[in-house]
Amino acid sequence: MDLEKRRQEPTADPPPVELRASDADRDRIADILRDALGEGRITSDEHAERVEGVYRAKTVTELEPYVRDLPSPDGAGHPHVRPAHPAPNRPDSGAVPPAPDENLVAVFSSSVRRGRWRVSRRTHAYAVFGSVEIDLSEAVFEHRQVVVKAFCLFGNVEITVPENISLRGNGGGVLGNFEVDSLDSPDPDAPVVYVDGISALGNIEARARKGRRVANALANPATSDRMRKYLRF
């Protein structure tokens, strides 16, 4: 009888699971604290104490108190702590064409793409005894998924992206270096840059540029609302 009664009693909902903080989450909060120190909002002692607590924090909830009294860097207000949304490791099927929209070639020379330029869905870079620099930190993103494919022989290919998008890499080196610092944006709608490549006796690197963020600007009325905030002019 007691067993039947217990079966009929409503069971309590399990407590919510605390979201674990990632290294990217901690670094994001540390950057806010660094800016606050530079602006004179907190003292050096407060900065040291808060940073120490940030890197001891285990969950996203534990991070929030360290920046609760500070302005948000993007002007969006609270919450400051927005967990990163992992981007897919490969582009969606059909999102990026197999042929390049643009080729950057450096043979015993250099090729540079920087400033305010429209990023193609697929860009190929070839560095043979030369160097290619692709700087996306001020570029216009009209596509959510972008591929940069690099081939390097006795040369160097360097790719720089804004710090508030996602970055993925797939490649390797033969007596060379292939290094991509993976990055996950806190916004699931942010652009994703995929760097593929092979380096032979050369160097391919891709990383975010600290302090450079895609601006919140409306570039093209024909562009979807979800992508407008990532366009820079």
Protein backbone atom coordinates (compact mmCIF):
# COMPACT_ATOMS: atom_id res chain seq x y z
CA MET A 1 0.00 0.00 0.00
CA ASP A 2 2.80 2.42 0.87
CA LEU A 3 4.55 1.54 -2.38
CA GLU A 4 1.41 2.34 -4.39
CA LYS A 5 1.05 5.66 -2.58
CA ARG A 6 4.63 6.66 -3.33
CA ARG A 7 4.08 5.89 -7.02
CA GLN A 8 1.13 8.28 -7.13
CA GLU A 9 2.93 11.13 -5.40
CA PRO A 10 4.31 13.77 -7.84
CA THR A 11 8.06 13.79 -8.15
CA ALA A 12 9.97 17.03 -7.78
CA ASP A 13 11.70 18.44 -10.84
CA PRO A 14 15.46 17.95 -10.80
CA PRO A 15 17.44 21.08 -9.97
CA PRO A 16 18.73 23.00 -13.03
CA VAL A 17 22.20 22.04 -14.16
CA GLU A 18 24.80 24.80 -13.85
CA LEU A 19 26.49 25.50 -17.17
CA ARG A 20 30.23 24.95 -16.91
CA ALA A 21 32.42 27.92 -17.83
CA SER A 22 34.84 27.49 -20.72
CA ASP A 23 38.29 29.03 -21.10
CA ALA A 24 36.76 31.41 -23.67
CA ASP A 25 34.14 32.50 -21.11
CA ARG A 26 36.83 33.25 -18.52
CA ASP A 27 38.99 35.11 -21.04
CA ARG A 28 36.01 37.23 -22.08
CA ILE A 29 35.38 38.31 -18.48
CA ALA A 30 39.10 38.96 -17.93
CA ASP A 31 39.07 41.26 -20.97
CA ILE A 32 36.19 43.26 -19.47
CA LEU A 33 38.13 43.61 -16.22
CA ARG A 34 41.25 44.71 -18.10
CA ASP A 35 39.30 47.42 -19.90
CA ALA A 36 37.72 48.53 -16.62
CA LEU A 37 41.18 48.85 -15.06
CA GLY A 38 42.40 50.93 -18.00
CA GLU A 39 39.37 53.23 -17.72
CA GLY A 40 39.89 53.71 -13.98
CA ARG A 41 36.63 52.00 -13.00
CA ILE A 42 38.41 49.57 -10.69
CA THR A 43 41.73 49.73 -8.87
CA SER A 44 44.70 47.49 -9.54
CA ASP A 45 44.02 45.60 -6.31
CA GLU A 46 40.37 45.06 -7.29
CA HIS A 47 41.48 43.95 -10.74
CA ALA A 48 43.93 41.39 -9.37
CA GLU A 49 41.37 40.05 -6.90
CA ARG A 50 38.62 39.73 -9.49
CA VAL A 51 40.82 38.13 -12.14
CA GLU A 52 41.97 35.55 -9.62
CA GLY A 53 38.35 34.72 -8.86
CA VAL A 54 37.45 34.55 -12.56
CA TYR A 55 40.03 31.88 -13.30
CA ARG A 56 38.89 29.88 -10.26
CA ALA A 57 35.24 29.97 -11.35
CA LYS A 58 33.75 26.66 -12.45
CA THR A 59 30.38 27.79 -13.85
CA VAL A 60 29.02 30.67 -15.91
CA THR A 61 26.90 31.79 -12.96
CA GLU A 62 30.02 32.21 -10.82
CA LEU A 63 31.53 34.60 -13.38
CA GLU A 64 28.70 37.15 -13.42
CA PRO A 65 29.36 38.81 -10.01
CA TYR A 66 32.86 39.90 -11.06
CA VAL A 67 31.51 42.22 -13.78
CA ARG A 68 28.00 42.93 -12.52
CA ASP A 69 28.86 46.56 -11.69
CA LEU A 70 30.70 47.22 -14.98
CA PRO A 71 29.33 48.34 -18.36
CA SER A 72 29.05 45.78 -21.13
CA PRO A 73 31.73 46.20 -23.83
CA ASP A 74 29.21 46.02 -26.68
CA GLY A 75 26.70 48.37 -25.08
CA ALA A 76 24.10 45.64 -24.88
CA GLY A 77 23.88 45.74 -21.10
CA HIS A 78 23.66 42.70 -18.89
CA PRO A 79 24.29 39.85 -18.83
CA HIS A 80 28.03 40.09 -19.45
CA VAL A 81 28.51 36.36 -19.31
CA ARG A 82 27.33 34.77 -22.50
CA PRO A 83 28.56 31.21 -23.01
CA ALA A 84 30.20 30.48 -26.33
CA HIS A 85 28.17 28.55 -28.88
CA PRO A 86 30.31 25.87 -30.54
CA ALA A 87 30.35 26.27 -34.30
CA PRO A 88 30.13 23.18 -36.54
CA ASN A 89 33.50 21.73 -37.49
CA ARG A 90 32.67 21.82 -41.20
CA PRO A 91 30.46 24.12 -43.32
CA ASP A 92 26.91 23.09 -44.07
CA SER A 93 26.42 21.13 -47.26
CA GLY A 94 26.09 23.52 -50.21
CA ALA A 95 26.88 26.63 -48.13
CA VAL A 96 30.32 27.13 -49.74
CA PRO A 97 31.09 26.49 -53.43
CA PRO A 98 33.88 24.04 -54.35
CA ALA A 99 35.59 26.61 -56.60
CA PRO A 100 37.16 29.77 -55.17
CA ASP A 101 35.57 33.17 -55.62
CA GLU A 102 38.98 34.79 -55.13
CA ASN A 103 42.64 33.69 -55.42
CA LEU A 104 45.56 35.31 -53.62
CA VAL A 105 48.92 34.25 -55.03
CA ALA A 106 52.43 35.10 -53.83
CA VAL A 107 55.39 33.54 -55.68
CA PHE A 108 58.68 35.08 -54.56
CA SER A 109 56.51 38.03 -53.53
CA SER A 110 53.75 39.06 -51.14
CA SER A 111 49.99 39.42 -51.38
CA VAL A 112 47.89 41.34 -48.86
CA ARG A 113 44.13 41.59 -48.38
CA ARG A 114 43.08 43.92 -45.59
CA GLY A 115 40.81 46.83 -44.76
CA ARG A 116 37.14 47.04 -45.61
CA TRP A 117 36.53 44.37 -48.21
CA ARG A 118 33.73 41.92 -48.90
CA VAL A 119 34.66 38.41 -47.88
CA SER A 120 33.97 35.75 -50.50
CA ARG A 121 32.45 32.45 -49.54
CA ARG A 122 35.67 30.71 -50.61
CA THR A 123 39.14 32.24 -50.90
CA HIS A 124 42.27 30.33 -51.94
CA ALA A 125 45.74 31.50 -50.89
CA TYR A 126 49.00 30.23 -52.43
CA ALA A 127 52.37 31.20 -50.95
CA VAL A 128 55.44 29.80 -52.72
CA PHE A 129 58.62 31.39 -51.44
CA GLY A 130 56.37 34.29 -50.54
CA SER A 131 53.80 35.52 -48.04
CA VAL A 132 50.03 36.02 -48.05
CA GLU A 133 48.27 38.11 -45.42
CA ILE A 134 44.48 37.91 -45.09
CA ASP A 135 43.13 40.35 -42.52
CA LEU A 136 39.39 39.93 -41.87
CA SER A 137 39.27 42.18 -38.82
CA GLU A 138 37.62 45.04 -40.79
CA ALA A 139 36.04 42.96 -43.54
CA VAL A 140 32.38 42.84 -44.58
CA PHE A 141 30.78 39.46 -43.92
CA GLU A 142 27.83 38.80 -46.22
CA HIS A 143 27.88 35.04 -45.70
CA ARG A 144 27.67 33.19 -42.40
CA GLN A 145 30.13 30.45 -43.44
CA VAL A 146 33.42 31.33 -45.13
CA VAL A 147 36.27 29.06 -46.20
CA VAL A 148 39.90 30.11 -46.62
CA LYS A 149 42.00 27.36 -48.20
CA ALA A 150 45.77 27.87 -48.00
CA PHE A 151 48.74 26.16 -49.62
CA CYS A 152 52.20 27.12 -48.45
CA LEU A 153 55.62 26.02 -49.77
CA PHE A 154 58.65 27.74 -48.25
CA GLY A 155 56.34 30.61 -47.45
CA ASN A 156 53.88 32.07 -44.99
CA VAL A 157 50.09 32.51 -44.87
CA GLU A 158 48.68 34.59 -42.02
CA ILE A 159 44.94 34.96 -41.39
CA THR A 160 43.44 37.35 -38.83
CA VAL A 161 39.78 37.43 -37.82
CA PRO A 162 37.67 39.61 -35.48
CA GLU A 163 37.43 38.31 -31.93
CA ASN A 164 33.62 38.03 -31.92
CA ILE A 165 33.20 35.47 -34.71
CA SER A 166 33.92 31.71 -34.76
CA LEU A 167 37.08 30.17 -36.20
CA ARG A 168 37.82 26.58 -37.20
CA GLY A 169 40.85 24.88 -38.75
CA ASN A 170 41.54 21.66 -40.64
CA GLY A 171 44.97 20.97 -42.08
CA GLY A 172 48.55 20.04 -41.36
CA GLY A 173 52.21 20.62 -42.04
CA VAL A 174 55.01 18.66 -43.70
CA LEU A 175 58.17 19.93 -42.05
CA GLY A 176 56.09 23.03 -41.56
CA ASN A 177 53.49 24.58 -39.29
CA PHE A 178 49.69 24.69 -39.43
CA GLU A 179 48.20 26.51 -36.44
CA VAL A 180 44.62 27.73 -36.05
CA ASP A 181 43.42 29.10 -32.71
CA SER A 182 39.84 27.80 -32.59
CA LEU A 183 37.31 30.38 -31.49
CA ASP A 184 33.62 30.21 -30.60
CA SER A 185 31.47 33.32 -30.66
CA PRO A 186 28.93 33.85 -27.87
CA ASP A 187 26.37 34.55 -30.61
CA PRO A 188 25.12 31.45 -32.48
CA ASP A 189 24.41 33.60 -35.57
CA ALA A 190 27.96 34.94 -35.87
CA PRO A 191 29.97 34.23 -39.03
CA VAL A 192 32.23 31.17 -39.03
CA VAL A 193 35.60 31.18 -40.81
CA TYR A 194 36.99 27.77 -41.76
CA VAL A 195 40.71 27.62 -42.52
CA ASP A 196 41.86 24.56 -44.47
CA GLY A 197 45.39 24.06 -45.69
CA ILE A 198 48.69 22.28 -46.00
CA SER A 199 52.07 23.75 -45.23
CA ALA A 200 55.31 22.28 -46.60
CA LEU A 201 58.42 23.84 -45.10
CA GLY A 202 56.32 26.88 -44.39
CA ASN A 203 53.82 28.38 -42.00
CA ILE A 204 50.02 28.78 -41.93
CA GLU A 205 48.51 30.60 -38.95
CA ALA A 206 45.02 31.87 -38.15
CA ARG A 207 43.99 33.69 -34.99
CA ALA A 208 41.71 36.40 -33.64
CA ARG A 209 42.91 39.97 -33.27
CA LYS A 210 42.22 41.19 -29.76
CA GLY A 211 40.16 44.34 -29.60
CA ARG A 212 38.84 44.03 -33.17
CA ARG A 213 35.17 43.24 -33.42
CA VAL A 214 32.77 43.16 -36.33
CA ALA A 215 30.74 46.36 -36.05
CA ASN A 216 27.00 46.46 -35.46
CA ALA A 217 26.15 48.28 -38.70
CA LEU A 218 23.45 47.84 -41.34
CA ALA A 219 25.19 47.32 -44.66
CA ASN A 220 22.68 45.97 -47.11
CA PRO A 221 18.88 46.00 -46.74
CA ALA A 222 18.73 42.80 -48.78
CA THR A 223 20.81 40.97 -46.20
CA SER A 224 18.98 38.93 -43.59
CA ASP A 225 18.30 40.62 -40.26
CA ARG A 226 20.34 37.99 -38.44
CA MET A 227 23.46 38.90 -40.40
CA ARG A 228 23.20 42.72 -40.49
CA LYS A 229 24.93 43.25 -37.16
CA TYR A 230 28.05 41.55 -38.51
CA LEU A 231 28.54 43.83 -41.52
CA ARG A 232 31.10 46.62 -41.41
CA PHE A 233 31.39 49.61 -43.78
